[in-house]
Amino acid sequence: MKIYLEIIGGPLDGQTYSFRESTTIGREGQSEITVNLDNFISRRHAKIIVEEPDCYLEDLNSTNGSFLGEERVNGKIRLNNGQHFKVGRTVMEIRWETD
């Protein structure tokens, strides 16, 4: 399973990442996906969890939260292929394909 994460709104608009394993999103360099230009993203903000055939979004107790639409993510929530979500003030789209 190959996952693609594209920033579609925010300071890194157009940036695309690809990965195959669970991945963290945050402002610090220890996160696999670093979005250090959005001051509303915590150092370790959220995690994309890969459990084939699904992907999940988990907020890591961030200050400003992670959102699906207007709903704040609490715990782990399943994502749909092509779904948009927001961390801090950055909007992302996740897509995946199976091998």
PDB file of N, CA and C in Angstrom:
ATOM      1  N   MET A   1       0.863  -1.177   0.000  1.00  0.00           N
ATOM      2  CA  MET A   1       0.000   0.000   0.000  1.00  0.00           C
ATOM      3  C   MET A   1       0.903   1.232   0.000  1.00  0.00           C
ATOM      4  N   LYS A   2       0.668   2.124  -0.956  1.00  0.00           N
ATOM      5  CA  LYS A   2       1.439   3.359  -1.038  1.00  0.00           C
ATOM      6  C   LYS A   2       0.506   4.527  -0.770  1.00  0.00           C
ATOM      7  N   ILE A   3       0.896   5.377   0.166  1.00  0.00           N
ATOM      8  CA  ILE A   3       0.070   6.511   0.586  1.00  0.00           C
ATOM      9  C   ILE A   3       0.690   7.797   0.057  1.00  0.00           C
ATOM     10  N   TYR A   4      -0.158   8.697  -0.423  1.00  0.00           N
ATOM     11  CA  TYR A   4       0.256  10.015  -0.894  1.00  0.00           C
ATOM     12  C   TYR A   4      -0.461  11.057  -0.047  1.00  0.00           C
ATOM     13  N   LEU A   5       0.292  11.997   0.474  1.00  0.00           N
ATOM     14  CA  LEU A   5      -0.269  13.080   1.270  1.00  0.00           C
ATOM     15  C   LEU A   5       0.141  14.385   0.611  1.00  0.00           C
ATOM     16  N   GLU A   6      -0.855  15.169   0.183  1.00  0.00           N
ATOM     17  CA  GLU A   6      -0.576  16.432  -0.488  1.00  0.00           C
ATOM     18  C   GLU A   6      -1.124  17.590   0.331  1.00  0.00           C
ATOM     19  N   ILE A   7      -0.312  18.614   0.479  1.00  0.00           N
ATOM     20  CA  ILE A   7      -0.770  19.833   1.145  1.00  0.00           C
ATOM     21  C   ILE A   7      -1.501  20.659   0.098  1.00  0.00           C
ATOM     22  N   ILE A   8      -2.779  20.924   0.360  1.00  0.00           N
ATOM     23  CA  ILE A   8      -3.603  21.645  -0.623  1.00  0.00           C
ATOM     24  C   ILE A   8      -4.029  23.009  -0.117  1.00  0.00           C
ATOM     25  N   GLY A   9      -3.578  23.370   1.085  1.00  0.00           N
ATOM     26  CA  GLY A   9      -3.868  24.690   1.636  1.00  0.00           C
ATOM     27  C   GLY A   9      -2.950  24.959   2.804  1.00  0.00           C
ATOM     28  N   GLY A  10      -2.193  26.026   2.727  1.00  0.00           N
ATOM     29  CA  GLY A  10      -1.269  26.356   3.802  1.00  0.00           C
ATOM     30  C   GLY A  10       0.072  26.781   3.239  1.00  0.00           C
ATOM     31  N   PRO A  11       1.031  27.024   4.123  1.00  0.00           N
ATOM     32  CA  PRO A  11       2.310  27.587   3.674  1.00  0.00           C
ATOM     33  C   PRO A  11       3.132  26.666   2.771  1.00  0.00           C
ATOM     34  N   LEU A  12       2.888  25.379   2.787  1.00  0.00           N
ATOM     35  CA  LEU A  12       3.622  24.449   1.924  1.00  0.00           C
ATOM     36  C   LEU A  12       2.729  23.895   0.815  1.00  0.00           C
ATOM     37  N   ASP A  13       1.768  24.697   0.389  1.00  0.00           N
ATOM     38  CA  ASP A  13       0.795  24.300  -0.631  1.00  0.00           C
ATOM     39  C   ASP A  13       1.492  23.671  -1.835  1.00  0.00           C
ATOM     40  N   GLY A  14       0.999  22.490  -2.242  1.00  0.00           N
ATOM     41  CA  GLY A  14       1.554  21.794  -3.386  1.00  0.00           C
ATOM     42  C   GLY A  14       2.583  20.736  -3.026  1.00  0.00           C
ATOM     43  N   GLN A  15       3.105  20.769  -1.817  1.00  0.00           N
ATOM     44  CA  GLN A  15       4.090  19.772  -1.382  1.00  0.00           C
ATOM     45  C   GLN A  15       3.408  18.414  -1.257  1.00  0.00           C
ATOM     46  N   THR A  16       4.039  17.362  -1.788  1.00  0.00           N
ATOM     47  CA  THR A  16       3.493  16.013  -1.737  1.00  0.00           C
ATOM     48  C   THR A  16       4.488  15.078  -1.073  1.00  0.00           C
ATOM     49  N   TYR A  17       3.969  14.178  -0.251  1.00  0.00           N
ATOM     50  CA  TYR A  17       4.779  13.178   0.445  1.00  0.00           C
ATOM     51  C   TYR A  17       4.226  11.805   0.089  1.00  0.00           C
ATOM     52  N   SER A  18       5.098  10.805   0.069  1.00  0.00           N
ATOM     53  CA  SER A  18       4.623   9.436  -0.118  1.00  0.00           C
ATOM     54  C   SER A  18       5.298   8.553   0.922  1.00  0.00           C
ATOM     55  N   PHE A  19       4.556   7.551   1.387  1.00  0.00           N
ATOM     56  CA  PHE A  19       5.076   6.657   2.418  1.00  0.00           C
ATOM     57  C   PHE A  19       4.269   5.375   2.414  1.00  0.00           C
ATOM     58  N   ARG A  20       4.759   4.382   3.115  1.00  0.00           N
ATOM     59  CA  ARG A  20       4.104   3.075   3.189  1.00  0.00           C
ATOM     60  C   ARG A  20       3.772   2.667   4.618  1.00  0.00           C
ATOM     61  N   GLU A  21       4.337   3.351   5.594  1.00  0.00           N
ATOM     62  CA  GLU A  21       4.144   2.995   7.002  1.00  0.00           C
ATOM     63  C   GLU A  21       3.537   4.171   7.761  1.00  0.00           C
ATOM     64  N   SER A  22       3.082   3.907   8.959  1.00  0.00           N
ATOM     65  CA  SER A  22       2.535   4.958   9.808  1.00  0.00           C
ATOM     66  C   SER A  22       3.540   6.098   9.915  1.00  0.00           C
ATOM     67  N   THR A  23       3.035   7.339   9.898  1.00  0.00           N
ATOM     68  CA  THR A  23       3.875   8.523   9.760  1.00  0.00           C
ATOM     69  C   THR A  23       3.361   9.643  10.662  1.00  0.00           C
ATOM     70  N   THR A  24       4.271  10.374  11.291  1.00  0.00           N
ATOM     71  CA  THR A  24       3.876  11.505  12.131  1.00  0.00           C
ATOM     72  C   THR A  24       3.987  12.815  11.362  1.00  0.00           C
ATOM     73  N   ILE A  25       3.115  13.751  11.752  1.00  0.00           N
ATOM     74  CA  ILE A  25       3.087  15.098  11.183  1.00  0.00           C
ATOM     75  C   ILE A  25       3.340  16.065  12.322  1.00  0.00           C
ATOM     76  N   GLY A  26       4.244  17.013  12.116  1.00  0.00           N
ATOM     77  CA  GLY A  26       4.513  17.989  13.164  1.00  0.00           C
ATOM     78  C   GLY A  26       5.430  19.096  12.700  1.00  0.00           C
ATOM     79  N   ARG A  27       5.720  19.997  13.615  1.00  0.00           N
ATOM     80  CA  ARG A  27       6.568  21.148  13.321  1.00  0.00           C
ATOM     81  C   ARG A  27       8.042  20.838  13.524  1.00  0.00           C
ATOM     82  N   GLU A  28       8.365  19.808  14.301  1.00  0.00           N
ATOM     83  CA  GLU A  28       9.766  19.528  14.584  1.00  0.00           C
ATOM     84  C   GLU A  28      10.340  18.516  13.600  1.00  0.00           C
ATOM     85  N   GLY A  29      11.650  18.543  13.445  1.00  0.00           N
ATOM     86  CA  GLY A  29      12.337  17.695  12.488  1.00  0.00           C
ATOM     87  C   GLY A  29      12.255  16.213  12.775  1.00  0.00           C
ATOM     88  N   GLN A  30      11.859  15.825  13.981  1.00  0.00           N
ATOM     89  CA  GLN A  30      11.737  14.405  14.299  1.00  0.00           C
ATOM     90  C   GLN A  30      10.472  13.790  13.693  1.00  0.00           C
ATOM     91  N   SER A  31       9.550  14.609  13.234  1.00  0.00           N
ATOM     92  CA  SER A  31       8.355  14.110  12.550  1.00  0.00           C
ATOM     93  C   SER A  31       8.733  13.739  11.121  1.00  0.00           C
ATOM     94  N   GLU A  32       8.129  12.675  10.599  1.00  0.00           N
ATOM     95  CA  GLU A  32       8.434  12.273   9.226  1.00  0.00           C
ATOM     96  C   GLU A  32       7.967  13.330   8.224  1.00  0.00           C
ATOM     97  N   ILE A  33       6.824  13.963   8.511  1.00  0.00           N
ATOM     98  CA  ILE A  33       6.328  15.063   7.680  1.00  0.00           C
ATOM     99  C   ILE A  33       6.410  16.328   8.517  1.00  0.00           C
ATOM    100  N   THR A  34       7.348  17.199   8.155  1.00  0.00           N
ATOM    101  CA  THR A  34       7.597  18.423   8.921  1.00  0.00           C
ATOM    102  C   THR A  34       6.939  19.606   8.228  1.00  0.00           C
ATOM    103  N   VAL A  35       6.044  20.271   8.957  1.00  0.00           N
ATOM    104  CA  VAL A  35       5.358  21.463   8.448  1.00  0.00           C
ATOM    105  C   VAL A  35       5.712  22.592   9.414  1.00  0.00           C
ATOM    106  N   ASN A  36       6.949  23.076   9.302  1.00  0.00           N
ATOM    107  CA  ASN A  36       7.443  24.043  10.281  1.00  0.00           C
ATOM    108  C   ASN A  36       7.052  25.490   9.989  1.00  0.00           C
ATOM    109  N   LEU A  37       6.342  25.746   8.897  1.00  0.00           N
ATOM    110  CA  LEU A  37       5.924  27.108   8.585  1.00  0.00           C
ATOM    111  C   LEU A  37       4.517  27.428   9.085  1.00  0.00           C
ATOM    112  N   ASP A  38       3.839  26.451   9.673  1.00  0.00           N
ATOM    113  CA  ASP A  38       2.501  26.658  10.235  1.00  0.00           C
ATOM    114  C   ASP A  38       2.641  26.665  11.756  1.00  0.00           C
ATOM    115  N   ASN A  39       2.580  27.852  12.352  1.00  0.00           N
ATOM    116  CA  ASN A  39       2.763  27.981  13.802  1.00  0.00           C
ATOM    117  C   ASN A  39       1.615  27.398  14.613  1.00  0.00           C
ATOM    118  N   PHE A  40       0.536  26.960  13.951  1.00  0.00           N
ATOM    119  CA  PHE A  40      -0.594  26.353  14.644  1.00  0.00           C
ATOM    120  C   PHE A  40      -0.459  24.829  14.718  1.00  0.00           C
ATOM    121  N   ILE A  41       0.625  24.302  14.155  1.00  0.00           N
ATOM    122  CA  ILE A  41       0.908  22.871  14.241  1.00  0.00           C
ATOM    123  C   ILE A  41       1.853  22.643  15.418  1.00  0.00           C
ATOM    124  N   SER A  42       1.522  21.665  16.242  1.00  0.00           N
ATOM    125  CA  SER A  42       2.360  21.318  17.392  1.00  0.00           C
ATOM    126  C   SER A  42       3.618  20.590  16.928  1.00  0.00           C
ATOM    127  N   ARG A  43       4.588  20.496  17.834  1.00  0.00           N
ATOM    128  CA  ARG A  43       5.841  19.810  17.485  1.00  0.00           C
ATOM    129  C   ARG A  43       5.570  18.391  16.994  1.00  0.00           C
ATOM    130  N   ARG A  44       4.717  17.656  17.698  1.00  0.00           N
ATOM    131  CA  ARG A  44       4.234  16.330  17.257  1.00  0.00           C
ATOM    132  C   ARG A  44       2.719  16.443  17.277  1.00  0.00           C
ATOM    133  N   HIS A  45       2.132  16.691  16.120  1.00  0.00           N
ATOM    134  CA  HIS A  45       0.729  17.091  16.042  1.00  0.00           C
ATOM    135  C   HIS A  45      -0.226  15.916  15.812  1.00  0.00           C
ATOM    136  N   ALA A  46       0.060  15.108  14.803  1.00  0.00           N
ATOM    137  CA  ALA A  46      -0.866  14.042  14.413  1.00  0.00           C
ATOM    138  C   ALA A  46      -0.089  12.883  13.817  1.00  0.00           C
ATOM    139  N   LYS A  47      -0.804  11.776  13.639  1.00  0.00           N
ATOM    140  CA  LYS A  47      -0.192  10.583  13.066  1.00  0.00           C
ATOM    141  C   LYS A  47      -1.143   9.976  12.048  1.00  0.00           C
ATOM    142  N   ILE A  48      -0.594   9.583  10.900  1.00  0.00           N
ATOM    143  CA  ILE A  48      -1.334   8.785   9.930  1.00  0.00           C
ATOM    144  C   ILE A  48      -0.977   7.333  10.244  1.00  0.00           C
ATOM    145  N   ILE A  49      -1.971   6.539  10.578  1.00  0.00           N
ATOM    146  CA  ILE A  49      -1.760   5.143  10.939  1.00  0.00           C
ATOM    147  C   ILE A  49      -2.185   4.279   9.758  1.00  0.00           C
ATOM    148  N   VAL A  50      -1.272   3.432   9.306  1.00  0.00           N
ATOM    149  CA  VAL A  50      -1.536   2.538   8.180  1.00  0.00           C
ATOM    150  C   VAL A  50      -1.833   1.153   8.741  1.00  0.00           C
ATOM    151  N   GLU A  51      -3.071   0.709   8.540  1.00  0.00           N
ATOM    152  CA  GLU A  51      -3.510  -0.634   8.904  1.00  0.00           C
ATOM    153  C   GLU A  51      -4.271  -1.154   7.699  1.00  0.00           C
ATOM    154  N   GLU A  52      -3.531  -1.757   6.775  1.00  0.00           N
ATOM    155  CA  GLU A  52      -4.141  -2.175   5.503  1.00  0.00           C
ATOM    156  C   GLU A  52      -5.408  -2.967   5.720  1.00  0.00           C
ATOM    157  N   PRO A  53      -6.437  -2.669   4.968  1.00  0.00           N
ATOM    158  CA  PRO A  53      -6.500  -1.808   3.788  1.00  0.00           C
ATOM    159  C   PRO A  53      -6.908  -0.366   4.103  1.00  0.00           C
ATOM    160  N   ASP A  54      -6.835   0.049   5.359  1.00  0.00           N
ATOM    161  CA  ASP A  54      -7.312   1.377   5.757  1.00  0.00           C
ATOM    162  C   ASP A  54      -6.184   2.265   6.262  1.00  0.00           C
ATOM    163  N   CYS A  55      -6.482   3.566   6.311  1.00  0.00           N
ATOM    164  CA  CYS A  55      -5.618   4.566   6.936  1.00  0.00           C
ATOM    165  C   CYS A  55      -6.451   5.314   7.964  1.00  0.00           C
ATOM    166  N   TYR A  56      -5.803   5.732   9.038  1.00  0.00           N
ATOM    167  CA  TYR A  56      -6.464   6.428  10.125  1.00  0.00           C
ATOM    168  C   TYR A  56      -5.702   7.702  10.448  1.00  0.00           C
ATOM    169  N   LEU A  57      -6.414   8.685  10.976  1.00  0.00           N
ATOM    170  CA  LEU A  57      -5.806   9.910  11.476  1.00  0.00           C
ATOM    171  C   LEU A  57      -5.970   9.910  12.986  1.00  0.00           C
ATOM    172  N   GLU A  58      -4.878  10.154  13.688  1.00  0.00           N
ATOM    173  CA  GLU A  58      -4.921  10.256  15.140  1.00  0.00           C
ATOM    174  C   GLU A  58      -4.274  11.565  15.555  1.00  0.00           C
ATOM    175  N   ASP A  59      -4.993  12.373  16.325  1.00  0.00           N
ATOM    176  CA  ASP A  59      -4.422  13.593  16.873  1.00  0.00           C
ATOM    177  C   ASP A  59      -3.584  13.204  18.084  1.00  0.00           C
ATOM    178  N   LEU A  60      -2.388  13.782  18.199  1.00  0.00           N
ATOM    179  CA  LEU A  60      -1.470  13.448  19.287  1.00  0.00           C
ATOM    180  C   LEU A  60      -1.551  14.480  20.414  1.00  0.00           C
ATOM    181  N   ASN A  61      -2.779  14.785  20.836  1.00  0.00           N
ATOM    182  CA  ASN A  61      -3.030  15.764  21.906  1.00  0.00           C
ATOM    183  C   ASN A  61      -2.444  17.136  21.570  1.00  0.00           C
ATOM    184  N   SER A  62      -2.609  17.539  20.308  1.00  0.00           N
ATOM    185  CA  SER A  62      -2.094  18.831  19.868  1.00  0.00           C
ATOM    186  C   SER A  62      -2.907  19.966  20.488  1.00  0.00           C
ATOM    187  N   THR A  63      -2.302  21.122  20.551  1.00  0.00           N
ATOM    188  CA  THR A  63      -2.968  22.298  21.123  1.00  0.00           C
ATOM    189  C   THR A  63      -4.141  22.757  20.258  1.00  0.00           C
ATOM    190  N   ASN A  64      -3.927  22.852  18.942  1.00  0.00           N
ATOM    191  CA  ASN A  64      -4.940  23.404  18.040  1.00  0.00           C
ATOM    192  C   ASN A  64      -5.774  22.364  17.317  1.00  0.00           C
ATOM    193  N   GLY A  65      -5.495  21.097  17.523  1.00  0.00           N
ATOM    194  CA  GLY A  65      -6.339  20.029  17.020  1.00  0.00           C
ATOM    195  C   GLY A  65      -6.146  19.664  15.560  1.00  0.00           C
ATOM    196  N   SER A  66      -6.747  18.526  15.224  1.00  0.00           N
ATOM    197  CA  SER A  66      -6.846  18.025  13.855  1.00  0.00           C
ATOM    198  C   SER A  66      -8.337  17.910  13.545  1.00  0.00           C
ATOM    199  N   PHE A  67      -8.718  18.199  12.302  1.00  0.00           N
ATOM    200  CA  PHE A  67     -10.138  18.279  11.964  1.00  0.00           C
ATOM    201  C   PHE A  67     -10.453  17.543  10.671  1.00  0.00           C
ATOM    202  N   LEU A  68     -11.589  16.851  10.681  1.00  0.00           N
ATOM    203  CA  LEU A  68     -12.226  16.340   9.469  1.00  0.00           C
ATOM    204  C   LEU A  68     -13.446  17.219   9.281  1.00  0.00           C
ATOM    205  N   GLY A  69     -13.434  18.050   8.256  1.00  0.00           N
ATOM    206  CA  GLY A  69     -14.494  19.053   8.119  1.00  0.00           C
ATOM    207  C   GLY A  69     -14.421  19.987   9.313  1.00  0.00           C
ATOM    208  N   GLU A  70     -15.533  20.174   9.994  1.00  0.00           N
ATOM    209  CA  GLU A  70     -15.575  21.029  11.181  1.00  0.00           C
ATOM    210  C   GLU A  70     -15.440  20.231  12.477  1.00  0.00           C
ATOM    211  N   GLU A  71     -15.333  18.904  12.350  1.00  0.00           N
ATOM    212  CA  GLU A  71     -15.303  18.033  13.524  1.00  0.00           C
ATOM    213  C   GLU A  71     -13.872  17.777  13.989  1.00  0.00           C
ATOM    214  N   ARG A  72     -13.619  18.097  15.253  1.00  0.00           N
ATOM    215  CA  ARG A  72     -12.303  17.859  15.834  1.00  0.00           C
ATOM    216  C   ARG A  72     -12.099  16.359  16.044  1.00  0.00           C
ATOM    217  N   VAL A  73     -10.915  15.886  15.686  1.00  0.00           N
ATOM    218  CA  VAL A  73     -10.582  14.470  15.816  1.00  0.00           C
ATOM    219  C   VAL A  73     -10.164  14.187  17.253  1.00  0.00           C
ATOM    220  N   ASN A  74     -10.859  13.237  17.871  1.00  0.00           N
ATOM    221  CA  ASN A  74     -10.481  12.754  19.194  1.00  0.00           C
ATOM    222  C   ASN A  74     -10.167  11.277  19.048  1.00  0.00           C
ATOM    223  N   GLY A  75      -8.980  10.877  19.403  1.00  0.00           N
ATOM    224  CA  GLY A  75      -8.590   9.489  19.223  1.00  0.00           C
ATOM    225  C   GLY A  75      -8.246   9.220  17.779  1.00  0.00           C
ATOM    226  N   LYS A  76      -8.567   8.028  17.328  1.00  0.00           N
ATOM    227  CA  LYS A  76      -8.214   7.560  15.984  1.00  0.00           C
ATOM    228  C   LYS A  76      -9.481   7.467  15.145  1.00  0.00           C
ATOM    229  N   ILE A  77      -9.430   8.026  13.919  1.00  0.00           N
ATOM    230  CA  ILE A  77     -10.602   8.009  13.044  1.00  0.00           C
ATOM    231  C   ILE A  77     -10.178   7.532  11.650  1.00  0.00           C
ATOM    232  N   ARG A  78     -11.020   6.670  11.059  1.00  0.00           N
ATOM    233  CA  ARG A  78     -10.717   6.122   9.731  1.00  0.00           C
ATOM    234  C   ARG A  78     -10.894   7.192   8.659  1.00  0.00           C
ATOM    235  N   LEU A  79      -9.944   7.225   7.725  1.00  0.00           N
ATOM    236  CA  LEU A  79      -9.988   8.156   6.607  1.00  0.00           C
ATOM    237  C   LEU A  79     -10.485   7.443   5.359  1.00  0.00           C
ATOM    238  N   ASN A  80     -11.115   8.198   4.482  1.00  0.00           N
ATOM    239  CA  ASN A  80     -11.512   7.687   3.172  1.00  0.00           C
ATOM    240  C   ASN A  80     -10.459   8.089   2.150  1.00  0.00           C
ATOM    241  N   ASN A  81     -10.282   7.270   1.139  1.00  0.00           N
ATOM    242  CA  ASN A  81      -9.342   7.581   0.077  1.00  0.00           C
ATOM    243  C   ASN A  81      -9.779   8.881  -0.607  1.00  0.00           C
ATOM    244  N   GLY A  82      -8.875   9.854  -0.696  1.00  0.00           N
ATOM    245  CA  GLY A  82      -9.181  11.145  -1.296  1.00  0.00           C
ATOM    246  C   GLY A  82      -9.722  12.174  -0.312  1.00  0.00           C
ATOM    247  N   GLN A  83      -9.746  11.845   0.967  1.00  0.00           N
ATOM    248  CA  GLN A  83     -10.336  12.734   1.968  1.00  0.00           C
ATOM    249  C   GLN A  83      -9.394  13.885   2.327  1.00  0.00           C
ATOM    250  N   HIS A  84     -10.003  15.029   2.656  1.00  0.00           N
ATOM    251  CA  HIS A  84      -9.264  16.199   3.121  1.00  0.00           C
ATOM    252  C   HIS A  84      -9.382  16.266   4.640  1.00  0.00           C
ATOM    253  N   PHE A  85      -8.318  16.729   5.281  1.00  0.00           N
ATOM    254  CA  PHE A  85      -8.351  16.986   6.714  1.00  0.00           C
ATOM    255  C   PHE A  85      -7.414  18.150   7.013  1.00  0.00           C
ATOM    256  N   LYS A  86      -7.516  18.689   8.215  1.00  0.00           N
ATOM    257  CA  LYS A  86      -6.742  19.871   8.572  1.00  0.00           C
ATOM    258  C   LYS A  86      -5.958  19.616   9.849  1.00  0.00           C
ATOM    259  N   VAL A  87      -4.685  19.978   9.836  1.00  0.00           N
ATOM    260  CA  VAL A  87      -3.858  20.011  11.044  1.00  0.00           C
ATOM    261  C   VAL A  87      -3.350  21.444  11.171  1.00  0.00           C
ATOM    262  N   GLY A  88      -3.520  22.025  12.356  1.00  0.00           N
ATOM    263  CA  GLY A  88      -3.209  23.447  12.489  1.00  0.00           C
ATOM    264  C   GLY A  88      -4.071  24.223  11.507  1.00  0.00           C
ATOM    265  N   ARG A  89      -3.424  25.006  10.649  1.00  0.00           N
ATOM    266  CA  ARG A  89      -4.146  25.724   9.592  1.00  0.00           C
ATOM    267  C   ARG A  89      -3.810  25.176   8.210  1.00  0.00           C
ATOM    268  N   THR A  90      -3.227  23.992   8.178  1.00  0.00           N
ATOM    269  CA  THR A  90      -2.811  23.365   6.927  1.00  0.00           C
ATOM    270  C   THR A  90      -3.807  22.287   6.520  1.00  0.00           C
ATOM    271  N   VAL A  91      -4.301  22.373   5.277  1.00  0.00           N
ATOM    272  CA  VAL A  91      -5.257  21.394   4.751  1.00  0.00           C
ATOM    273  C   VAL A  91      -4.481  20.374   3.913  1.00  0.00           C
ATOM    274  N   MET A  92      -4.789  19.100   4.148  1.00  0.00           N
ATOM    275  CA  MET A  92      -4.110  18.013   3.454  1.00  0.00           C
ATOM    276  C   MET A  92      -5.121  17.081   2.810  1.00  0.00           C
ATOM    277  N   GLU A  93      -4.679  16.426   1.744  1.00  0.00           N
ATOM    278  CA  GLU A  93      -5.488  15.400   1.087  1.00  0.00           C
ATOM    279  C   GLU A  93      -4.687  14.099   1.119  1.00  0.00           C
ATOM    280  N   ILE A  94      -5.354  13.011   1.511  1.00  0.00           N
ATOM    281  CA  ILE A  94      -4.702  11.704   1.537  1.00  0.00           C
ATOM    282  C   ILE A  94      -5.301  10.815   0.462  1.00  0.00           C
ATOM    283  N   ARG A  95      -4.419  10.118  -0.259  1.00  0.00           N
ATOM    284  CA  ARG A  95      -4.828   9.147  -1.257  1.00  0.00           C
ATOM    285  C   ARG A  95      -3.929   7.931  -1.094  1.00  0.00           C
ATOM    286  N   TRP A  96      -4.420   6.766  -1.491  1.00  0.00           N
ATOM    287  CA  TRP A  96      -3.574   5.580  -1.459  1.00  0.00           C
ATOM    288  C   TRP A  96      -3.963   4.613  -2.552  1.00  0.00           C
ATOM    289  N   GLU A  97      -3.006   3.755  -2.844  1.00  0.00           N
ATOM    290  CA  GLU A  97      -3.231   2.697  -3.818  1.00  0.00           C
ATOM    291  C   GLU A  97      -2.638   1.415  -3.245  1.00  0.00           C
ATOM    292  N   THR A  98      -3.291   0.306  -3.558  1.00  0.00           N
ATOM    293  CA  THR A  98      -2.804  -0.976  -3.097  1.00  0.00           C
ATOM    294  C   THR A  98      -1.829  -1.539  -4.103  1.00  0.00           C
ATOM    295  N   ASP A  99      -0.877  -2.283  -3.603  1.00  0.00           N
ATOM    296  CA  ASP A  99       0.149  -2.882  -4.490  1.00  0.00           C
ATOM    297  C   ASP A  99      -0.395  -4.064  -5.246  1.00  0.00           C
TER     298      ASP A  99
END
